[in-house]
Amino acid sequence: MEGTLKKGFFSRLKASTKKNSSIDNLSKGKINKDYRITEIKSHDEELDNFLFSLGCYEGEMITLISILGGNYIINIKDARYSIDKDLASAIKIEGK
């Protein structure tokens, strides 16, 4: 019985950890939460340069302000920008 309890506990613990780690890009982020950018994966150099000009690069903090009509309103370095879902998906994040 003791082995069964331990196995059940660790299974639940593993499942709850997976839930917390499911936010891997900005399109899956929560509103009004700060994240650290871990990577930009747009596969388009022009787009990467555009994001860099906004201050959106690895290590920088980003906040998802709201989602309006498929547009993601973000805050980077005290400035707000609107980006589409594809661009939000290219921004890989981790919780603060």
PDB file of N, CA and C in Angstrom:
ATOM      1  N   MET A   1       0.828  -1.198   0.000  1.00  0.00           N
ATOM      2  CA  MET A   1       0.000   0.000   0.000  1.00  0.00           C
ATOM      3  C   MET A   1       0.867   1.254   0.000  1.00  0.00           C
ATOM      4  N   GLU A   2       1.968   1.216   0.749  1.00  0.00           N
ATOM      5  CA  GLU A   2       2.833   2.389   0.830  1.00  0.00           C
ATOM      6  C   GLU A   2       3.391   2.755  -0.550  1.00  0.00           C
ATOM      7  N   GLY A   3       3.786   1.759  -1.344  1.00  0.00           N
ATOM      8  CA  GLY A   3       4.304   2.004  -2.687  1.00  0.00           C
ATOM      9  C   GLY A   3       3.264   2.643  -3.589  1.00  0.00           C
ATOM     10  N   THR A   4       2.001   2.250  -3.430  1.00  0.00           N
ATOM     11  CA  THR A   4       0.924   2.806  -4.236  1.00  0.00           C
ATOM     12  C   THR A   4       0.707   4.277  -3.897  1.00  0.00           C
ATOM     13  N   LEU A   5       0.748   4.626  -2.625  1.00  0.00           N
ATOM     14  CA  LEU A   5       0.579   6.018  -2.224  1.00  0.00           C
ATOM     15  C   LEU A   5       1.694   6.880  -2.802  1.00  0.00           C
ATOM     16  N   LYS A   6       2.915   6.404  -2.715  1.00  0.00           N
ATOM     17  CA  LYS A   6       4.037   7.179  -3.248  1.00  0.00           C
ATOM     18  C   LYS A   6       3.905   7.357  -4.754  1.00  0.00           C
ATOM     19  N   LYS A   7       3.538   6.275  -5.441  1.00  0.00           N
ATOM     20  CA  LYS A   7       3.406   6.353  -6.890  1.00  0.00           C
ATOM     21  C   LYS A   7       2.314   7.350  -7.281  1.00  0.00           C
ATOM     22  N   GLY A   8       1.206   7.323  -6.598  1.00  0.00           N
ATOM     23  CA  GLY A   8       0.113   8.252  -6.877  1.00  0.00           C
ATOM     24  C   GLY A   8       0.515   9.689  -6.607  1.00  0.00           C
ATOM     25  N   PHE A   9       1.242   9.903  -5.524  1.00  0.00           N
ATOM     26  CA  PHE A   9       1.694  11.249  -5.174  1.00  0.00           C
ATOM     27  C   PHE A   9       2.614  11.805  -6.250  1.00  0.00           C
ATOM     28  N   PHE A  10       3.588  11.010  -6.671  1.00  0.00           N
ATOM     29  CA  PHE A  10       4.541  11.484  -7.669  1.00  0.00           C
ATOM     30  C   PHE A  10       3.889  11.671  -9.033  1.00  0.00           C
ATOM     31  N   SER A  11       2.904  10.880  -9.361  1.00  0.00           N
ATOM     32  CA  SER A  11       2.183  11.061 -10.616  1.00  0.00           C
ATOM     33  C   SER A  11       1.447  12.389 -10.624  1.00  0.00           C
ATOM     34  N   ARG A  12       0.793  12.718  -9.500  1.00  0.00           N
ATOM     35  CA  ARG A  12       0.088  13.998  -9.397  1.00  0.00           C
ATOM     36  C   ARG A  12       1.069  15.158  -9.428  1.00  0.00           C
ATOM     37  N   LEU A  13       2.196  15.009  -8.748  1.00  0.00           N
ATOM     38  CA  LEU A  13       3.206  16.061  -8.724  1.00  0.00           C
ATOM     39  C   LEU A  13       3.754  16.320 -10.129  1.00  0.00           C
ATOM     40  N   LYS A  14       4.016  15.260 -10.863  1.00  0.00           N
ATOM     41  CA  LYS A  14       4.520  15.382 -12.222  1.00  0.00           C
ATOM     42  C   LYS A  14       3.481  16.051 -13.121  1.00  0.00           C
ATOM     43  N   ALA A  15       2.214  15.695 -12.966  1.00  0.00           N
ATOM     44  CA  ALA A  15       1.150  16.289 -13.774  1.00  0.00           C
ATOM     45  C   ALA A  15       1.002  17.774 -13.481  1.00  0.00           C
ATOM     46  N   SER A  16       1.104  18.183 -12.219  1.00  0.00           N
ATOM     47  CA  SER A  16       0.968  19.600 -11.884  1.00  0.00           C
ATOM     48  C   SER A  16       2.163  20.393 -12.394  1.00  0.00           C
ATOM     49  N   THR A  17       3.326  19.797 -12.439  1.00  0.00           N
ATOM     50  CA  THR A  17       4.509  20.467 -12.977  1.00  0.00           C
ATOM     51  C   THR A  17       4.346  20.690 -14.473  1.00  0.00           C
ATOM     52  N   LYS A  18       3.782  19.733 -15.185  1.00  0.00           N
ATOM     53  CA  LYS A  18       3.547  19.884 -16.614  1.00  0.00           C
ATOM     54  C   LYS A  18       2.585  21.021 -16.889  1.00  0.00           C
ATOM     55  N   LYS A  19       1.563  21.193 -16.055  1.00  0.00           N
ATOM     56  CA  LYS A  19       0.610  22.280 -16.235  1.00  0.00           C
ATOM     57  C   LYS A  19       1.319  23.624 -16.126  1.00  0.00           C
ATOM     58  N   ASN A  20       2.200  23.772 -15.158  1.00  0.00           N
ATOM     59  CA  ASN A  20       2.898  25.035 -14.957  1.00  0.00           C
ATOM     60  C   ASN A  20       3.897  25.322 -16.063  1.00  0.00           C
ATOM     61  N   SER A  21       4.440  24.306 -16.690  1.00  0.00           N
ATOM     62  CA  SER A  21       5.449  24.527 -17.717  1.00  0.00           C
ATOM     63  C   SER A  21       4.838  24.616 -19.116  1.00  0.00           C
ATOM     64  N   SER A  22       3.509  24.596 -19.242  1.00  0.00           N
ATOM     65  CA  SER A  22       2.879  24.613 -20.549  1.00  0.00           C
ATOM     66  C   SER A  22       2.955  25.978 -21.219  1.00  0.00           C
ATOM     67  N   ILE A  23       3.273  27.026 -20.477  1.00  0.00           N
ATOM     68  CA  ILE A  23       3.419  28.349 -21.076  1.00  0.00           C
ATOM     69  C   ILE A  23       4.839  28.455 -21.598  1.00  0.00           C
ATOM     70  N   ASP A  24       4.976  28.270 -22.911  1.00  0.00           N
ATOM     71  CA  ASP A  24       6.311  28.329 -23.487  1.00  0.00           C
ATOM     72  C   ASP A  24       6.477  29.479 -24.468  1.00  0.00           C
ATOM     73  N   ASN A  25       5.373  30.082 -24.894  1.00  0.00           N
ATOM     74  CA  ASN A  25       5.479  31.254 -25.760  1.00  0.00           C
ATOM     75  C   ASN A  25       4.418  32.275 -25.354  1.00  0.00           C
ATOM     76  N   LEU A  26       4.580  33.484 -25.829  1.00  0.00           N
ATOM     77  CA  LEU A  26       3.739  34.580 -25.369  1.00  0.00           C
ATOM     78  C   LEU A  26       2.271  34.398 -25.718  1.00  0.00           C
ATOM     79  N   SER A  27       1.966  33.679 -26.794  1.00  0.00           N
ATOM     80  CA  SER A  27       0.562  33.476 -27.161  1.00  0.00           C
ATOM     81  C   SER A  27      -0.182  32.633 -26.131  1.00  0.00           C
ATOM     82  N   LYS A  28       0.542  31.933 -25.272  1.00  0.00           N
ATOM     83  CA  LYS A  28      -0.062  31.123 -24.215  1.00  0.00           C
ATOM     84  C   LYS A  28       0.055  31.793 -22.842  1.00  0.00           C
ATOM     85  N   GLY A  29       0.563  33.013 -22.811  1.00  0.00           N
ATOM     86  CA  GLY A  29       0.787  33.713 -21.550  1.00  0.00           C
ATOM     87  C   GLY A  29      -0.494  34.202 -20.907  1.00  0.00           C
ATOM     88  N   LYS A  30      -0.378  34.592 -19.658  1.00  0.00           N
ATOM     89  CA  LYS A  30      -1.510  35.125 -18.902  1.00  0.00           C
ATOM     90  C   LYS A  30      -1.440  36.655 -18.889  1.00  0.00           C
ATOM     91  N   ILE A  31      -2.595  37.264 -18.920  1.00  0.00           N
ATOM     92  CA  ILE A  31      -2.691  38.723 -18.945  1.00  0.00           C
ATOM     93  C   ILE A  31      -2.176  39.314 -17.627  1.00  0.00           C
ATOM     94  N   ASN A  32      -1.470  40.439 -17.747  1.00  0.00           N
ATOM     95  CA  ASN A  32      -0.888  41.199 -16.624  1.00  0.00           C
ATOM     96  C   ASN A  32       0.160  40.408 -15.851  1.00  0.00           C
ATOM     97  N   LYS A  33       0.872  39.532 -16.533  1.00  0.00           N
ATOM     98  CA  LYS A  33       1.942  38.775 -15.906  1.00  0.00           C
ATOM     99  C   LYS A  33       3.254  39.107 -16.609  1.00  0.00           C
ATOM    100  N   ASP A  34       4.306  39.245 -15.814  1.00  0.00           N
ATOM    101  CA  ASP A  34       5.633  39.528 -16.355  1.00  0.00           C
ATOM    102  C   ASP A  34       6.328  38.232 -16.733  1.00  0.00           C
ATOM    103  N   TYR A  35       7.017  38.263 -17.865  1.00  0.00           N
ATOM    104  CA  TYR A  35       7.783  37.121 -18.334  1.00  0.00           C
ATOM    105  C   TYR A  35       9.164  37.584 -18.784  1.00  0.00           C
ATOM    106  N   ARG A  36      10.097  36.661 -18.781  1.00  0.00           N
ATOM    107  CA  ARG A  36      11.433  36.921 -19.331  1.00  0.00           C
ATOM    108  C   ARG A  36      11.495  36.230 -20.690  1.00  0.00           C
ATOM    109  N   ILE A  37      11.959  36.954 -21.690  1.00  0.00           N
ATOM    110  CA  ILE A  37      12.097  36.393 -23.030  1.00  0.00           C
ATOM    111  C   ILE A  37      13.306  35.457 -23.042  1.00  0.00           C
ATOM    112  N   THR A  38      13.085  34.227 -23.444  1.00  0.00           N
ATOM    113  CA  THR A  38      14.175  33.249 -23.483  1.00  0.00           C
ATOM    114  C   THR A  38      14.723  33.064 -24.895  1.00  0.00           C
ATOM    115  N   GLU A  39      13.886  33.361 -25.900  1.00  0.00           N
ATOM    116  CA  GLU A  39      14.315  33.133 -27.283  1.00  0.00           C
ATOM    117  C   GLU A  39      13.304  33.756 -28.233  1.00  0.00           C
ATOM    118  N   ILE A  40      13.775  34.163 -29.391  1.00  0.00           N
ATOM    119  CA  ILE A  40      12.900  34.616 -30.473  1.00  0.00           C
ATOM    120  C   ILE A  40      13.051  33.605 -31.599  1.00  0.00           C
ATOM    121  N   LYS A  41      11.938  32.981 -31.986  1.00  0.00           N
ATOM    122  CA  LYS A  41      11.978  31.938 -33.029  1.00  0.00           C
ATOM    123  C   LYS A  41      11.048  32.312 -34.174  1.00  0.00           C
ATOM    124  N   SER A  42      11.358  33.371 -34.885  1.00  0.00           N
ATOM    125  CA  SER A  42      10.494  33.794 -35.990  1.00  0.00           C
ATOM    126  C   SER A  42      10.908  33.194 -37.329  1.00  0.00           C
ATOM    127  N   HIS A  43      12.156  32.745 -37.465  1.00  0.00           N
ATOM    128  CA  HIS A  43      12.697  32.185 -38.713  1.00  0.00           C
ATOM    129  C   HIS A  43      12.683  33.217 -39.842  1.00  0.00           C
ATOM    130  N   ASP A  44      12.675  34.503 -39.490  1.00  0.00           N
ATOM    131  CA  ASP A  44      12.681  35.588 -40.466  1.00  0.00           C
ATOM    132  C   ASP A  44      13.597  36.688 -39.937  1.00  0.00           C
ATOM    133  N   GLU A  45      14.706  36.894 -40.588  1.00  0.00           N
ATOM    134  CA  GLU A  45      15.698  37.854 -40.091  1.00  0.00           C
ATOM    135  C   GLU A  45      15.137  39.272 -40.005  1.00  0.00           C
ATOM    136  N   GLU A  46      14.319  39.666 -40.964  1.00  0.00           N
ATOM    137  CA  GLU A  46      13.727  41.003 -40.943  1.00  0.00           C
ATOM    138  C   GLU A  46      12.821  41.171 -39.725  1.00  0.00           C
ATOM    139  N   LEU A  47      12.049  40.150 -39.434  1.00  0.00           N
ATOM    140  CA  LEU A  47      11.176  40.177 -38.268  1.00  0.00           C
ATOM    141  C   LEU A  47      11.985  40.196 -36.969  1.00  0.00           C
ATOM    142  N   ASP A  48      13.058  39.419 -36.923  1.00  0.00           N
ATOM    143  CA  ASP A  48      13.939  39.431 -35.750  1.00  0.00           C
ATOM    144  C   ASP A  48      14.518  40.820 -35.515  1.00  0.00           C
ATOM    145  N   ASN A  49      14.938  41.482 -36.597  1.00  0.00           N
ATOM    146  CA  ASN A  49      15.480  42.837 -36.480  1.00  0.00           C
ATOM    147  C   ASN A  49      14.420  43.824 -36.002  1.00  0.00           C
ATOM    148  N   PHE A  50      13.184  43.653 -36.490  1.00  0.00           N
ATOM    149  CA  PHE A  50      12.089  44.518 -36.050  1.00  0.00           C
ATOM    150  C   PHE A  50      11.849  44.353 -34.548  1.00  0.00           C
ATOM    151  N   LEU A  51      11.766  43.113 -34.096  1.00  0.00           N
ATOM    152  CA  LEU A  51      11.552  42.856 -32.671  1.00  0.00           C
ATOM    153  C   LEU A  51      12.701  43.415 -31.837  1.00  0.00           C
ATOM    154  N   PHE A  52      13.916  43.262 -32.315  1.00  0.00           N
ATOM    155  CA  PHE A  52      15.075  43.789 -31.613  1.00  0.00           C
ATOM    156  C   PHE A  52      14.974  45.312 -31.486  1.00  0.00           C
ATOM    157  N   SER A  53      14.492  45.981 -32.533  1.00  0.00           N
ATOM    158  CA  SER A  53      14.351  47.442 -32.487  1.00  0.00           C
ATOM    159  C   SER A  53      13.307  47.888 -31.462  1.00  0.00           C
ATOM    160  N   LEU A  54      12.372  47.007 -31.141  1.00  0.00           N
ATOM    161  CA  LEU A  54      11.370  47.301 -30.108  1.00  0.00           C
ATOM    162  C   LEU A  54      11.906  47.036 -28.703  1.00  0.00           C
ATOM    163  N   GLY A  55      13.048  46.390 -28.618  1.00  0.00           N
ATOM    164  CA  GLY A  55      13.601  46.008 -27.319  1.00  0.00           C
ATOM    165  C   GLY A  55      13.221  44.596 -26.926  1.00  0.00           C
ATOM    166  N   CYS A  56      12.727  43.837 -27.881  1.00  0.00           N
ATOM    167  CA  CYS A  56      12.277  42.469 -27.642  1.00  0.00           C
ATOM    168  C   CYS A  56      13.401  41.510 -28.020  1.00  0.00           C
ATOM    169  N   TYR A  57      14.186  41.104 -27.026  1.00  0.00           N
ATOM    170  CA  TYR A  57      15.300  40.186 -27.260  1.00  0.00           C
ATOM    171  C   TYR A  57      15.519  39.345 -26.009  1.00  0.00           C
ATOM    172  N   GLU A  58      16.314  38.307 -26.141  1.00  0.00           N
ATOM    173  CA  GLU A  58      16.555  37.347 -25.069  1.00  0.00           C
ATOM    174  C   GLU A  58      17.024  38.041 -23.787  1.00  0.00           C
ATOM    175  N   GLY A  59      16.381  37.689 -22.675  1.00  0.00           N
ATOM    176  CA  GLY A  59      16.741  38.236 -21.369  1.00  0.00           C
ATOM    177  C   GLY A  59      15.900  39.433 -20.959  1.00  0.00           C
ATOM    178  N   GLU A  60      15.209  40.045 -21.898  1.00  0.00           N
ATOM    179  CA  GLU A  60      14.395  41.233 -21.611  1.00  0.00           C
ATOM    180  C   GLU A  60      13.057  40.810 -20.989  1.00  0.00           C
ATOM    181  N   MET A  61      12.503  41.676 -20.147  1.00  0.00           N
ATOM    182  CA  MET A  61      11.197  41.417 -19.537  1.00  0.00           C
ATOM    183  C   MET A  61      10.092  41.904 -20.477  1.00  0.00           C
ATOM    184  N   ILE A  62       8.985  41.155 -20.501  1.00  0.00           N
ATOM    185  CA  ILE A  62       7.836  41.495 -21.333  1.00  0.00           C
ATOM    186  C   ILE A  62       6.571  41.217 -20.530  1.00  0.00           C
ATOM    187  N   THR A  63       5.558  42.045 -20.695  1.00  0.00           N
ATOM    188  CA  THR A  63       4.274  41.862 -20.007  1.00  0.00           C
ATOM    189  C   THR A  63       3.175  41.782 -21.053  1.00  0.00           C
ATOM    190  N   LEU A  64       2.310  40.788 -20.926  1.00  0.00           N
ATOM    191  CA  LEU A  64       1.136  40.683 -21.791  1.00  0.00           C
ATOM    192  C   LEU A  64       0.026  41.509 -21.137  1.00  0.00           C
ATOM    193  N   ILE A  65      -0.322  42.631 -21.748  1.00  0.00           N
ATOM    194  CA  ILE A  65      -1.310  43.555 -21.183  1.00  0.00           C
ATOM    195  C   ILE A  65      -2.735  43.076 -21.464  1.00  0.00           C
ATOM    196  N   SER A  66      -3.024  42.739 -22.719  1.00  0.00           N
ATOM    197  CA  SER A  66      -4.360  42.254 -23.065  1.00  0.00           C
ATOM    198  C   SER A  66      -4.338  41.599 -24.439  1.00  0.00           C
ATOM    199  N   ILE A  67      -5.446  40.956 -24.759  1.00  0.00           N
ATOM    200  CA  ILE A  67      -5.630  40.358 -26.078  1.00  0.00           C
ATOM    201  C   ILE A  67      -6.927  40.928 -26.632  1.00  0.00           C
ATOM    202  N   LEU A  68      -6.829  41.666 -27.731  1.00  0.00           N
ATOM    203  CA  LEU A  68      -7.987  42.326 -28.322  1.00  0.00           C
ATOM    204  C   LEU A  68      -8.099  41.956 -29.799  1.00  0.00           C
ATOM    205  N   GLY A  69      -9.161  41.262 -30.152  1.00  0.00           N
ATOM    206  CA  GLY A  69      -9.396  40.923 -31.548  1.00  0.00           C
ATOM    207  C   GLY A  69      -8.259  40.183 -32.222  1.00  0.00           C
ATOM    208  N   GLY A  70      -7.613  39.278 -31.510  1.00  0.00           N
ATOM    209  CA  GLY A  70      -6.510  38.521 -32.072  1.00  0.00           C
ATOM    210  C   GLY A  70      -5.170  39.230 -32.001  1.00  0.00           C
ATOM    211  N   ASN A  71      -5.151  40.454 -31.484  1.00  0.00           N
ATOM    212  CA  ASN A  71      -3.904  41.194 -31.308  1.00  0.00           C
ATOM    213  C   ASN A  71      -3.477  41.143 -29.849  1.00  0.00           C
ATOM    214  N   TYR A  72      -2.192  40.974 -29.645  1.00  0.00           N
ATOM    215  CA  TYR A  72      -1.625  40.883 -28.300  1.00  0.00           C
ATOM    216  C   TYR A  72      -0.989  42.222 -27.958  1.00  0.00           C
ATOM    217  N   ILE A  73      -1.497  42.865 -26.921  1.00  0.00           N
ATOM    218  CA  ILE A  73      -0.952  44.132 -26.470  1.00  0.00           C
ATOM    219  C   ILE A  73       0.122  43.803 -25.442  1.00  0.00           C
ATOM    220  N   ILE A  74       1.358  44.215 -25.738  1.00  0.00           N
ATOM    221  CA  ILE A  74       2.487  43.881 -24.872  1.00  0.00           C
ATOM    222  C   ILE A  74       3.171  45.143 -24.375  1.00  0.00           C
ATOM    223  N   ASN A  75       3.873  45.007 -23.270  1.00  0.00           N
ATOM    224  CA  ASN A  75       4.655  46.096 -22.702  1.00  0.00           C
ATOM    225  C   ASN A  75       6.107  45.644 -22.630  1.00  0.00           C
ATOM    226  N   ILE A  76       6.975  46.415 -23.288  1.00  0.00           N
ATOM    227  CA  ILE A  76       8.418  46.177 -23.246  1.00  0.00           C
ATOM    228  C   ILE A  76       9.086  47.512 -22.970  1.00  0.00           C
ATOM    229  N   LYS A  77       9.886  47.569 -21.921  1.00  0.00           N
ATOM    230  CA  LYS A  77      10.632  48.791 -21.584  1.00  0.00           C
ATOM    231  C   LYS A  77       9.741  50.030 -21.556  1.00  0.00           C
ATOM    232  N   ASP A  78       8.650  49.976 -20.828  1.00  0.00           N
ATOM    233  CA  ASP A  78       7.720  51.102 -20.653  1.00  0.00           C
ATOM    234  C   ASP A  78       7.071  51.579 -21.945  1.00  0.00           C
ATOM    235  N   ALA A  79       7.001  50.746 -22.962  1.00  0.00           N
ATOM    236  CA  ALA A  79       6.306  51.076 -24.205  1.00  0.00           C
ATOM    237  C   ALA A  79       5.341  49.945 -24.532  1.00  0.00           C
ATOM    238  N   ARG A  80       4.198  50.308 -25.113  1.00  0.00           N
ATOM    239  CA  ARG A  80       3.196  49.303 -25.478  1.00  0.00           C
ATOM    240  C   ARG A  80       3.166  49.116 -26.985  1.00  0.00           C
ATOM    241  N   TYR A  81       3.004  47.843 -27.387  1.00  0.00           N
ATOM    242  CA  TYR A  81       2.943  47.495 -28.792  1.00  0.00           C
ATOM    243  C   TYR A  81       1.826  46.487 -29.002  1.00  0.00           C
ATOM    244  N   SER A  82       1.321  46.431 -30.226  1.00  0.00           N
ATOM    245  CA  SER A  82       0.321  45.443 -30.608  1.00  0.00           C
ATOM    246  C   SER A  82       0.954  44.504 -31.629  1.00  0.00           C
ATOM    247  N   ILE A  83       0.908  43.207 -31.351  1.00  0.00           N
ATOM    248  CA  ILE A  83       1.457  42.214 -32.265  1.00  0.00           C
ATOM    249  C   ILE A  83       0.409  41.142 -32.531  1.00  0.00           C
ATOM    250  N   ASP A  84       0.541  40.436 -33.641  1.00  0.00           N
ATOM    251  CA  ASP A  84      -0.434  39.383 -33.946  1.00  0.00           C
ATOM    252  C   ASP A  84      -0.033  38.067 -33.269  1.00  0.00           C
ATOM    253  N   LYS A  85      -0.907  37.073 -33.393  1.00  0.00           N
ATOM    254  CA  LYS A  85      -0.684  35.806 -32.704  1.00  0.00           C
ATOM    255  C   LYS A  85       0.563  35.083 -33.208  1.00  0.00           C
ATOM    256  N   ASP A  86       0.825  35.152 -34.502  1.00  0.00           N
ATOM    257  CA  ASP A  86       2.015  34.482 -35.045  1.00  0.00           C
ATOM    258  C   ASP A  86       3.287  35.054 -34.429  1.00  0.00           C
ATOM    259  N   LEU A  87       3.330  36.361 -34.299  1.00  0.00           N
ATOM    260  CA  LEU A  87       4.499  36.996 -33.698  1.00  0.00           C
ATOM    261  C   LEU A  87       4.593  36.666 -32.210  1.00  0.00           C
ATOM    262  N   ALA A  88       3.445  36.666 -31.521  1.00  0.00           N
ATOM    263  CA  ALA A  88       3.429  36.298 -30.101  1.00  0.00           C
ATOM    264  C   ALA A  88       3.909  34.859 -29.908  1.00  0.00           C
ATOM    265  N   SER A  89       3.574  33.987 -30.838  1.00  0.00           N
ATOM    266  CA  SER A  89       4.008  32.585 -30.758  1.00  0.00           C
ATOM    267  C   SER A  89       5.515  32.444 -30.955  1.00  0.00           C
ATOM    268  N   ALA A  90       6.126  33.386 -31.654  1.00  0.00           N
ATOM    269  CA  ALA A  90       7.563  33.335 -31.916  1.00  0.00           C
ATOM    270  C   ALA A  90       8.388  33.786 -30.716  1.00  0.00           C
ATOM    271  N   ILE A  91       7.741  34.428 -29.742  1.00  0.00           N
ATOM    272  CA  ILE A  91       8.446  34.934 -28.559  1.00  0.00           C
ATOM    273  C   ILE A  91       8.356  33.881 -27.455  1.00  0.00           C
ATOM    274  N   LYS A  92       9.456  33.195 -27.203  1.00  0.00           N
ATOM    275  CA  LYS A  92       9.516  32.153 -26.170  1.00  0.00           C
ATOM    276  C   LYS A  92       9.782  32.824 -24.825  1.00  0.00           C
ATOM    277  N   ILE A  93       9.056  32.381 -23.802  1.00  0.00           N
ATOM    278  CA  ILE A  93       9.106  33.042 -22.498  1.00  0.00           C
ATOM    279  C   ILE A  93       9.245  32.052 -21.357  1.00  0.00           C
ATOM    280  N   GLU A  94       9.574  32.600 -20.185  1.00  0.00           N
ATOM    281  CA  GLU A  94       9.523  31.856 -18.928  1.00  0.00           C
ATOM    282  C   GLU A  94       8.993  32.810 -17.873  1.00  0.00           C
ATOM    283  N   GLY A  95       8.341  32.256 -16.848  1.00  0.00           N
ATOM    284  CA  GLY A  95       7.800  33.080 -15.774  1.00  0.00           C
ATOM    285  C   GLY A  95       8.890  33.810 -15.021  1.00  0.00           C
ATOM    286  N   LYS A  96       8.530  34.939 -14.479  1.00  0.00           N
ATOM    287  CA  LYS A  96       9.485  35.778 -13.742  1.00  0.00           C
ATOM    288  C   LYS A  96       9.912  35.145 -12.451  1.00  0.00           C
TER     289      LYS A  96
END
